Amino acid sequence: MNNNLAVIVRTAREKIKISQRELSRRSGVDNNTISKIEKGIRKKPGVISLIKLSDVLDIDISKLLKASGYSKNEIQVFFMGGAYVVFQKEK
């Protein structure tokens, strides 16, 4: 399995058969940002954008954080600090 953020996002989006524009609409992440992520130009998007994408694409947030180059320490602080609970969209 490829851990490259661009491949992960594009593959997950294609799996649910939606366009970048539709992913943008559903997630609230700017279409330009999604395009740059999938082209490999935007390698370390903000955590909030990753949370929004993980929700729509049904990908574990830790996988996206790792693929984005966040360190183990940054990811641990993120989870221990309760940020995930604060930012997680209500279902």
PDB file of N, CA and C in Angstrom:
ATOM      1  N   MET A   1       0.835  -1.188   0.000  1.00  0.00           N
ATOM      2  CA  MET A   1       0.000   0.000   0.000  1.00  0.00           C
ATOM      3  C   MET A   1       0.875   1.246   0.000  1.00  0.00           C
ATOM      4  N   ASN A   2       0.531   2.181  -0.832  1.00  0.00           N
ATOM      5  CA  ASN A   2       1.281   3.419  -0.948  1.00  0.00           C
ATOM      6  C   ASN A   2       0.866   4.386   0.152  1.00  0.00           C
ATOM      7  N   ASN A   3       1.847   4.971   0.842  1.00  0.00           N
ATOM      8  CA  ASN A   3       1.560   5.918   1.914  1.00  0.00           C
ATOM      9  C   ASN A   3       1.710   7.361   1.461  1.00  0.00           C
ATOM     10  N   ASN A   4       1.753   7.593   0.158  1.00  0.00           N
ATOM     11  CA  ASN A   4       1.856   8.924  -0.393  1.00  0.00           C
ATOM     12  C   ASN A   4       0.490   9.605  -0.294  1.00  0.00           C
ATOM     13  N   LEU A   5       0.444  10.788   0.301  1.00  0.00           N
ATOM     14  CA  LEU A   5      -0.816  11.494   0.517  1.00  0.00           C
ATOM     15  C   LEU A   5      -1.603  11.668  -0.782  1.00  0.00           C
ATOM     16  N   ALA A   6      -0.931  12.066  -1.855  1.00  0.00           N
ATOM     17  CA  ALA A   6      -1.607  12.285  -3.134  1.00  0.00           C
ATOM     18  C   ALA A   6      -2.331  11.021  -3.604  1.00  0.00           C
ATOM     19  N   VAL A   7      -1.645   9.901  -3.520  1.00  0.00           N
ATOM     20  CA  VAL A   7      -2.226   8.629  -3.973  1.00  0.00           C
ATOM     21  C   VAL A   7      -3.370   8.200  -3.060  1.00  0.00           C
ATOM     22  N   ILE A   8      -3.188   8.356  -1.761  1.00  0.00           N
ATOM     23  CA  ILE A   8      -4.229   7.952  -0.807  1.00  0.00           C
ATOM     24  C   ILE A   8      -5.516   8.728  -1.057  1.00  0.00           C
ATOM     25  N   VAL A   9      -5.406  10.043  -1.173  1.00  0.00           N
ATOM     26  CA  VAL A   9      -6.599  10.887  -1.357  1.00  0.00           C
ATOM     27  C   VAL A   9      -7.250  10.605  -2.703  1.00  0.00           C
ATOM     28  N   ARG A  10      -6.467  10.579  -3.760  1.00  0.00           N
ATOM     29  CA  ARG A  10      -7.032  10.346  -5.098  1.00  0.00           C
ATOM     30  C   ARG A  10      -7.697   8.976  -5.183  1.00  0.00           C
ATOM     31  N   THR A  11      -7.038   7.941  -4.664  1.00  0.00           N
ATOM     32  CA  THR A  11      -7.594   6.586  -4.707  1.00  0.00           C
ATOM     33  C   THR A  11      -8.903   6.501  -3.926  1.00  0.00           C
ATOM     34  N   ALA A  12      -8.924   7.102  -2.739  1.00  0.00           N
ATOM     35  CA  ALA A  12     -10.141   7.073  -1.913  1.00  0.00           C
ATOM     36  C   ALA A  12     -11.276   7.836  -2.591  1.00  0.00           C
ATOM     37  N   ARG A  13     -10.952   8.965  -3.205  1.00  0.00           N
ATOM     38  CA  ARG A  13     -11.971   9.758  -3.904  1.00  0.00           C
ATOM     39  C   ARG A  13     -12.535   8.986  -5.094  1.00  0.00           C
ATOM     40  N   GLU A  14     -11.655   8.386  -5.859  1.00  0.00           N
ATOM     41  CA  GLU A  14     -12.100   7.615  -7.024  1.00  0.00           C
ATOM     42  C   GLU A  14     -12.906   6.388  -6.603  1.00  0.00           C
ATOM     43  N   LYS A  15     -12.561   5.811  -5.463  1.00  0.00           N
ATOM     44  CA  LYS A  15     -13.277   4.637  -4.960  1.00  0.00           C
ATOM     45  C   LYS A  15     -14.750   4.955  -4.691  1.00  0.00           C
ATOM     46  N   ILE A  16     -15.018   6.172  -4.202  1.00  0.00           N
ATOM     47  CA  ILE A  16     -16.415   6.545  -3.945  1.00  0.00           C
ATOM     48  C   ILE A  16     -17.033   7.293  -5.127  1.00  0.00           C
ATOM     49  N   LYS A  17     -16.256   7.346  -6.222  1.00  0.00           N
ATOM     50  CA  LYS A  17     -16.746   7.862  -7.507  1.00  0.00           C
ATOM     51  C   LYS A  17     -17.286   9.296  -7.426  1.00  0.00           C
ATOM     52  N   ILE A  18     -16.444  10.170  -6.870  1.00  0.00           N
ATOM     53  CA  ILE A  18     -16.804  11.585  -6.860  1.00  0.00           C
ATOM     54  C   ILE A  18     -15.656  12.391  -7.459  1.00  0.00           C
ATOM     55  N   SER A  19     -15.977  13.561  -7.967  1.00  0.00           N
ATOM     56  CA  SER A  19     -14.978  14.456  -8.543  1.00  0.00           C
ATOM     57  C   SER A  19     -14.288  15.249  -7.431  1.00  0.00           C
ATOM     58  N   GLN A  20     -13.213  15.906  -7.789  1.00  0.00           N
ATOM     59  CA  GLN A  20     -12.547  16.792  -6.836  1.00  0.00           C
ATOM     60  C   GLN A  20     -13.513  17.887  -6.386  1.00  0.00           C
ATOM     61  N   ARG A  21     -14.279  18.401  -7.310  1.00  0.00           N
ATOM     62  CA  ARG A  21     -15.245  19.458  -6.990  1.00  0.00           C
ATOM     63  C   ARG A  21     -16.283  18.959  -5.985  1.00  0.00           C
ATOM     64  N   GLU A  22     -16.757  17.733  -6.171  1.00  0.00           N
ATOM     65  CA  GLU A  22     -17.742  17.164  -5.241  1.00  0.00           C
ATOM     66  C   GLU A  22     -17.105  16.906  -3.875  1.00  0.00           C
ATOM     67  N   LEU A  23     -15.864  16.448  -3.866  1.00  0.00           N
ATOM     68  CA  LEU A  23     -15.164  16.261  -2.602  1.00  0.00           C
ATOM     69  C   LEU A  23     -15.038  17.603  -1.885  1.00  0.00           C
ATOM     70  N   SER A  24     -14.749  18.631  -2.621  1.00  0.00           N
ATOM     71  CA  SER A  24     -14.662  19.970  -2.050  1.00  0.00           C
ATOM     72  C   SER A  24     -15.999  20.391  -1.452  1.00  0.00           C
ATOM     73  N   ARG A  25     -17.059  20.164  -2.175  1.00  0.00           N
ATOM     74  CA  ARG A  25     -18.390  20.531  -1.701  1.00  0.00           C
ATOM     75  C   ARG A  25     -18.747  19.781  -0.424  1.00  0.00           C
ATOM     76  N   ARG A  26     -18.486  18.477  -0.401  1.00  0.00           N
ATOM     77  CA  ARG A  26     -18.847  17.653   0.752  1.00  0.00           C
ATOM     78  C   ARG A  26     -17.968  17.923   1.975  1.00  0.00           C
ATOM     79  N   SER A  27     -16.709  18.234   1.738  1.00  0.00           N
ATOM     80  CA  SER A  27     -15.766  18.376   2.853  1.00  0.00           C
ATOM     81  C   SER A  27     -15.598  19.812   3.338  1.00  0.00           C
ATOM     82  N   GLY A  28     -15.830  20.748   2.440  1.00  0.00           N
ATOM     83  CA  GLY A  28     -15.573  22.139   2.792  1.00  0.00           C
ATOM     84  C   GLY A  28     -14.121  22.539   2.580  1.00  0.00           C
ATOM     85  N   VAL A  29     -13.332  21.647   1.999  1.00  0.00           N
ATOM     86  CA  VAL A  29     -11.938  21.949   1.673  1.00  0.00           C
ATOM     87  C   VAL A  29     -11.914  22.530   0.265  1.00  0.00           C
ATOM     88  N   ASP A  30     -11.203  23.627   0.085  1.00  0.00           N
ATOM     89  CA  ASP A  30     -11.142  24.315  -1.202  1.00  0.00           C
ATOM     90  C   ASP A  30     -10.726  23.362  -2.326  1.00  0.00           C
ATOM     91  N   ASN A  31     -11.394  23.470  -3.461  1.00  0.00           N
ATOM     92  CA  ASN A  31     -11.111  22.612  -4.612  1.00  0.00           C
ATOM     93  C   ASN A  31      -9.651  22.734  -5.050  1.00  0.00           C
ATOM     94  N   ASN A  32      -9.099  23.933  -5.007  1.00  0.00           N
ATOM     95  CA  ASN A  32      -7.707  24.160  -5.382  1.00  0.00           C
ATOM     96  C   ASN A  32      -6.761  23.395  -4.454  1.00  0.00           C
ATOM     97  N   THR A  33      -7.083  23.362  -3.174  1.00  0.00           N
ATOM     98  CA  THR A  33      -6.270  22.620  -2.201  1.00  0.00           C
ATOM     99  C   THR A  33      -6.307  21.132  -2.511  1.00  0.00           C
ATOM    100  N   ILE A  34      -7.492  20.610  -2.788  1.00  0.00           N
ATOM    101  CA  ILE A  34      -7.626  19.184  -3.126  1.00  0.00           C
ATOM    102  C   ILE A  34      -6.819  18.858  -4.375  1.00  0.00           C
ATOM    103  N   SER A  35      -6.908  19.709  -5.381  1.00  0.00           N
ATOM    104  CA  SER A  35      -6.149  19.503  -6.612  1.00  0.00           C
ATOM    105  C   SER A  35      -4.649  19.471  -6.334  1.00  0.00           C
ATOM    106  N   LYS A  36      -4.174  20.406  -5.516  1.00  0.00           N
ATOM    107  CA  LYS A  36      -2.749  20.450  -5.182  1.00  0.00           C
ATOM    108  C   LYS A  36      -2.324  19.232  -4.366  1.00  0.00           C
ATOM    109  N   ILE A  37      -3.186  18.758  -3.480  1.00  0.00           N
ATOM    110  CA  ILE A  37      -2.873  17.550  -2.703  1.00  0.00           C
ATOM    111  C   ILE A  37      -2.720  16.365  -3.652  1.00  0.00           C
ATOM    112  N   GLU A  38      -3.676  16.197  -4.560  1.00  0.00           N
ATOM    113  CA  GLU A  38      -3.653  15.049  -5.472  1.00  0.00           C
ATOM    114  C   GLU A  38      -2.515  15.115  -6.485  1.00  0.00           C
ATOM    115  N   LYS A  39      -2.030  16.314  -6.783  1.00  0.00           N
ATOM    116  CA  LYS A  39      -0.892  16.463  -7.696  1.00  0.00           C
ATOM    117  C   LYS A  39       0.444  16.335  -6.959  1.00  0.00           C
ATOM    118  N   GLY A  40       0.379  16.270  -5.627  1.00  0.00           N
ATOM    119  CA  GLY A  40       1.600  16.157  -4.842  1.00  0.00           C
ATOM    120  C   GLY A  40       2.275  17.492  -4.595  1.00  0.00           C
ATOM    121  N   ILE A  41       1.597  18.579  -4.911  1.00  0.00           N
ATOM    122  CA  ILE A  41       2.156  19.920  -4.701  1.00  0.00           C
ATOM    123  C   ILE A  41       1.997  20.333  -3.243  1.00  0.00           C
ATOM    124  N   ARG A  42       0.854  20.045  -2.692  1.00  0.00           N
ATOM    125  CA  ARG A  42       0.565  20.376  -1.276  1.00  0.00           C
ATOM    126  C   ARG A  42       0.784  19.109  -0.462  1.00  0.00           C
ATOM    127  N   LYS A  43       1.947  19.005   0.150  1.00  0.00           N
ATOM    128  CA  LYS A  43       2.326  17.768   0.822  1.00  0.00           C
ATOM    129  C   LYS A  43       1.933  17.714   2.298  1.00  0.00           C
ATOM    130  N   LYS A  44       1.776  18.883   2.931  1.00  0.00           N
ATOM    131  CA  LYS A  44       1.462  18.905   4.364  1.00  0.00           C
ATOM    132  C   LYS A  44       0.318  19.892   4.620  1.00  0.00           C
ATOM    133  N   PRO A  45      -0.904  19.487   4.237  1.00  0.00           N
ATOM    134  CA  PRO A  45      -2.059  20.359   4.469  1.00  0.00           C
ATOM    135  C   PRO A  45      -2.324  20.515   5.965  1.00  0.00           C
ATOM    136  N   GLY A  46      -3.096  21.511   6.303  1.00  0.00           N
ATOM    137  CA  GLY A  46      -3.457  21.732   7.694  1.00  0.00           C
ATOM    138  C   GLY A  46      -4.276  20.579   8.257  1.00  0.00           C
ATOM    139  N   VAL A  47      -4.209  20.440   9.562  1.00  0.00           N
ATOM    140  CA  VAL A  47      -4.894  19.348  10.251  1.00  0.00           C
ATOM    141  C   VAL A  47      -6.404  19.412  10.035  1.00  0.00           C
ATOM    142  N   ILE A  48      -6.974  20.592  10.068  1.00  0.00           N
ATOM    143  CA  ILE A  48      -8.430  20.705   9.899  1.00  0.00           C
ATOM    144  C   ILE A  48      -8.846  20.223   8.513  1.00  0.00           C
ATOM    145  N   SER A  49      -8.089  20.577   7.490  1.00  0.00           N
ATOM    146  CA  SER A  49      -8.390  20.087   6.132  1.00  0.00           C
ATOM    147  C   SER A  49      -8.307  18.564   6.082  1.00  0.00           C
ATOM    148  N   LEU A  50      -7.300  18.004   6.732  1.00  0.00           N
ATOM    149  CA  LEU A  50      -7.150  16.547   6.739  1.00  0.00           C
ATOM    150  C   LEU A  50      -8.302  15.865   7.478  1.00  0.00           C
ATOM    151  N   ILE A  51      -8.751  16.472   8.561  1.00  0.00           N
ATOM    152  CA  ILE A  51      -9.892  15.916   9.292  1.00  0.00           C
ATOM    153  C   ILE A  51     -11.126  15.902   8.403  1.00  0.00           C
ATOM    154  N   LYS A  52     -11.358  16.997   7.717  1.00  0.00           N
ATOM    155  CA  LYS A  52     -12.525  17.093   6.836  1.00  0.00           C
ATOM    156  C   LYS A  52     -12.451  16.055   5.718  1.00  0.00           C
ATOM    157  N   LEU A  53     -11.271  15.901   5.125  1.00  0.00           N
ATOM    158  CA  LEU A  53     -11.106  14.908   4.057  1.00  0.00           C
ATOM    159  C   LEU A  53     -11.252  13.491   4.593  1.00  0.00           C
ATOM    160  N   SER A  54     -10.696  13.237   5.759  1.00  0.00           N
ATOM    161  CA  SER A  54     -10.781  11.884   6.326  1.00  0.00           C
ATOM    162  C   SER A  54     -12.228  11.496   6.582  1.00  0.00           C
ATOM    163  N   ASP A  55     -13.033  12.454   6.975  1.00  0.00           N
ATOM    164  CA  ASP A  55     -14.439  12.181   7.250  1.00  0.00           C
ATOM    165  C   ASP A  55     -15.180  11.783   5.974  1.00  0.00           C
ATOM    166  N   VAL A  56     -15.030  12.561   4.926  1.00  0.00           N
ATOM    167  CA  VAL A  56     -15.738  12.290   3.663  1.00  0.00           C
ATOM    168  C   VAL A  56     -15.197  11.039   2.980  1.00  0.00           C
ATOM    169  N   LEU A  57     -13.880  10.869   3.020  1.00  0.00           N
ATOM    170  CA  LEU A  57     -13.256   9.741   2.322  1.00  0.00           C
ATOM    171  C   LEU A  57     -13.208   8.470   3.166  1.00  0.00           C
ATOM    172  N   ASP A  58     -13.628   8.568   4.408  1.00  0.00           N
ATOM    173  CA  ASP A  58     -13.636   7.435   5.338  1.00  0.00           C
ATOM    174  C   ASP A  58     -12.236   6.821   5.483  1.00  0.00           C
ATOM    175  N   ILE A  59     -11.280   7.701   5.755  1.00  0.00           N
ATOM    176  CA  ILE A  59      -9.897   7.295   5.968  1.00  0.00           C
ATOM    177  C   ILE A  59      -9.526   7.696   7.391  1.00  0.00           C
ATOM    178  N   ASP A  60      -8.834   6.837   8.093  1.00  0.00           N
ATOM    179  CA  ASP A  60      -8.393   7.150   9.447  1.00  0.00           C
ATOM    180  C   ASP A  60      -7.507   8.392   9.416  1.00  0.00           C
ATOM    181  N   ILE A  61      -7.789   9.343  10.286  1.00  0.00           N
ATOM    182  CA  ILE A  61      -7.035  10.599  10.312  1.00  0.00           C
ATOM    183  C   ILE A  61      -5.550  10.367  10.555  1.00  0.00           C
ATOM    184  N   SER A  62      -5.196   9.386  11.349  1.00  0.00           N
ATOM    185  CA  SER A  62      -3.775   9.141  11.617  1.00  0.00           C
ATOM    186  C   SER A  62      -3.036   8.743  10.342  1.00  0.00           C
ATOM    187  N   LYS A  63      -3.702   8.040   9.452  1.00  0.00           N
ATOM    188  CA  LYS A  63      -3.091   7.654   8.173  1.00  0.00           C
ATOM    189  C   LYS A  63      -2.787   8.890   7.328  1.00  0.00           C
ATOM    190  N   LEU A  64      -3.721   9.833   7.297  1.00  0.00           N
ATOM    191  CA  LEU A  64      -3.500  11.058   6.531  1.00  0.00           C
ATOM    192  C   LEU A  64      -2.425  11.925   7.176  1.00  0.00           C
ATOM    193  N   LEU A  65      -2.414  11.982   8.496  1.00  0.00           N
ATOM    194  CA  LEU A  65      -1.383  12.758   9.185  1.00  0.00           C
ATOM    195  C   LEU A  65       0.002  12.188   8.899  1.00  0.00           C
ATOM    196  N   LYS A  66       0.147  10.873   8.970  1.00  0.00           N
ATOM    197  CA  LYS A  66       1.433  10.226   8.693  1.00  0.00           C
ATOM    198  C   LYS A  66       1.860  10.468   7.249  1.00  0.00           C
ATOM    199  N   ALA A  67       0.920  10.307   6.317  1.00  0.00           N
ATOM    200  CA  ALA A  67       1.230  10.496   4.898  1.00  0.00           C
ATOM    201  C   ALA A  67       1.590  11.942   4.589  1.00  0.00           C
ATOM    202  N   SER A  68       1.121  12.875   5.417  1.00  0.00           N
ATOM    203  CA  SER A  68       1.408  14.295   5.227  1.00  0.00           C
ATOM    204  C   SER A  68       2.752  14.702   5.814  1.00  0.00           C
ATOM    205  N   GLY A  69       3.381  13.781   6.531  1.00  0.00           N
ATOM    206  CA  GLY A  69       4.688  14.079   7.083  1.00  0.00           C
ATOM    207  C   GLY A  69       4.671  14.623   8.495  1.00  0.00           C
ATOM    208  N   TYR A  70       3.509  14.571   9.151  1.00  0.00           N
ATOM    209  CA  TYR A  70       3.486  14.969  10.556  1.00  0.00           C
ATOM    210  C   TYR A  70       4.272  13.935  11.349  1.00  0.00           C
ATOM    211  N   SER A  71       5.076  14.403  12.283  1.00  0.00           N
ATOM    212  CA  SER A  71       5.912  13.503  13.073  1.00  0.00           C
ATOM    213  C   SER A  71       5.055  12.703  14.053  1.00  0.00           C
ATOM    214  N   LYS A  72       5.633  11.621  14.544  1.00  0.00           N
ATOM    215  CA  LYS A  72       4.925  10.806  15.543  1.00  0.00           C
ATOM    216  C   LYS A  72       4.576  11.650  16.760  1.00  0.00           C
ATOM    217  N   ASN A  73       5.483  12.544  17.132  1.00  0.00           N
ATOM    218  CA  ASN A  73       5.241  13.421  18.274  1.00  0.00           C
ATOM    219  C   ASN A  73       4.068  14.370  18.000  1.00  0.00           C
ATOM    220  N   GLU A  74       4.027  14.959  16.814  1.00  0.00           N
ATOM    221  CA  GLU A  74       2.920  15.854  16.458  1.00  0.00           C
ATOM    222  C   GLU A  74       1.592  15.103  16.461  1.00  0.00           C
ATOM    223  N   ILE A  75       1.601  13.889  15.945  1.00  0.00           N
ATOM    224  CA  ILE A  75       0.370  13.088  15.908  1.00  0.00           C
ATOM    225  C   ILE A  75      -0.056  12.718  17.325  1.00  0.00           C
ATOM    226  N   GLN A  76       0.904  12.355  18.161  1.00  0.00           N
ATOM    227  CA  GLN A  76       0.589  11.992  19.542  1.00  0.00           C
ATOM    228  C   GLN A  76      -0.003  13.197  20.277  1.00  0.00           C
ATOM    229  N   VAL A  77       0.584  14.361  20.114  1.00  0.00           N
ATOM    230  CA  VAL A  77       0.070  15.576  20.754  1.00  0.00           C
ATOM    231  C   VAL A  77      -1.337  15.858  20.246  1.00  0.00           C
ATOM    232  N   PHE A  78      -1.548  15.686  18.965  1.00  0.00           N
ATOM    233  CA  PHE A  78      -2.850  15.910  18.353  1.00  0.00           C
ATOM    234  C   PHE A  78      -3.917  15.044  19.030  1.00  0.00           C
ATOM    235  N   PHE A  79      -3.645  13.751  19.176  1.00  0.00           N
ATOM    236  CA  PHE A  79      -4.623  12.846  19.783  1.00  0.00           C
ATOM    237  C   PHE A  79      -4.738  13.043  21.293  1.00  0.00           C
ATOM    238  N   MET A  80      -3.624  13.219  21.968  1.00  0.00           N
ATOM    239  CA  MET A  80      -3.655  13.376  23.428  1.00  0.00           C
ATOM    240  C   MET A  80      -4.259  14.703  23.842  1.00  0.00           C
ATOM    241  N   GLY A  81      -4.127  15.695  22.986  1.00  0.00           N
ATOM    242  CA  GLY A  81      -4.646  17.019  23.304  1.00  0.00           C
ATOM    243  C   GLY A  81      -6.146  17.136  23.104  1.00  0.00           C
ATOM    244  N   GLY A  82      -6.756  16.080  22.585  1.00  0.00           N
ATOM    245  CA  GLY A  82      -8.198  16.101  22.394  1.00  0.00           C
ATOM    246  C   GLY A  82      -8.638  16.863  21.157  1.00  0.00           C
ATOM    247  N   ALA A  83      -7.672  17.253  20.323  1.00  0.00           N
ATOM    248  CA  ALA A  83      -8.022  18.028  19.133  1.00  0.00           C
ATOM    249  C   ALA A  83      -8.980  17.262  18.231  1.00  0.00           C
ATOM    250  N   TYR A  84      -8.809  15.959  18.151  1.00  0.00           N
ATOM    251  CA  TYR A  84      -9.671  15.182  17.276  1.00  0.00           C
ATOM    252  C   TYR A  84     -11.123  15.258  17.712  1.00  0.00           C
ATOM    253  N   VAL A  85     -11.344  15.208  19.005  1.00  0.00           N
ATOM    254  CA  VAL A  85     -12.699  15.287  19.528  1.00  0.00           C
ATOM    255  C   VAL A  85     -13.283  16.673  19.259  1.00  0.00           C
ATOM    256  N   VAL A  86     -12.477  17.691  19.416  1.00  0.00           N
ATOM    257  CA  VAL A  86     -12.944  19.061  19.218  1.00  0.00           C
ATOM    258  C   VAL A  86     -13.320  19.312  17.770  1.00  0.00           C
ATOM    259  N   PHE A  87     -12.491  18.833  16.827  1.00  0.00           N
ATOM    260  CA  PHE A  87     -12.697  19.129  15.431  1.00  0.00           C
ATOM    261  C   PHE A  87     -13.546  18.109  14.679  1.00  0.00           C
ATOM    262  N   GLN A  88     -13.782  16.965  15.272  1.00  0.00           N
ATOM    263  CA  GLN A  88     -14.515  15.916  14.579  1.00  0.00           C
ATOM    264  C   GLN A  88     -15.938  16.373  14.299  1.00  0.00           C
ATOM    265  N   LYS A  89     -16.379  16.186  13.064  1.00  0.00           N
ATOM    266  CA  LYS A  89     -17.720  16.572  12.661  1.00  0.00           C
ATOM    267  C   LYS A  89     -18.740  15.652  13.326  1.00  0.00           C
ATOM    268  N   GLU A  90     -19.825  16.241  13.781  1.00  0.00           N
ATOM    269  CA  GLU A  90     -20.892  15.434  14.375  1.00  0.00           C
ATOM    270  C   GLU A  90     -21.529  14.578  13.309  1.00  0.00           C
ATOM    271  N   LYS A  91     -21.865  13.366  13.694  1.00  0.00           N
ATOM    272  CA  LYS A  91     -22.482  12.426  12.741  1.00  0.00           C
ATOM    273  C   LYS A  91     -23.982  12.427  12.927  1.00  0.00           C
TER     274      LYS A  91
END
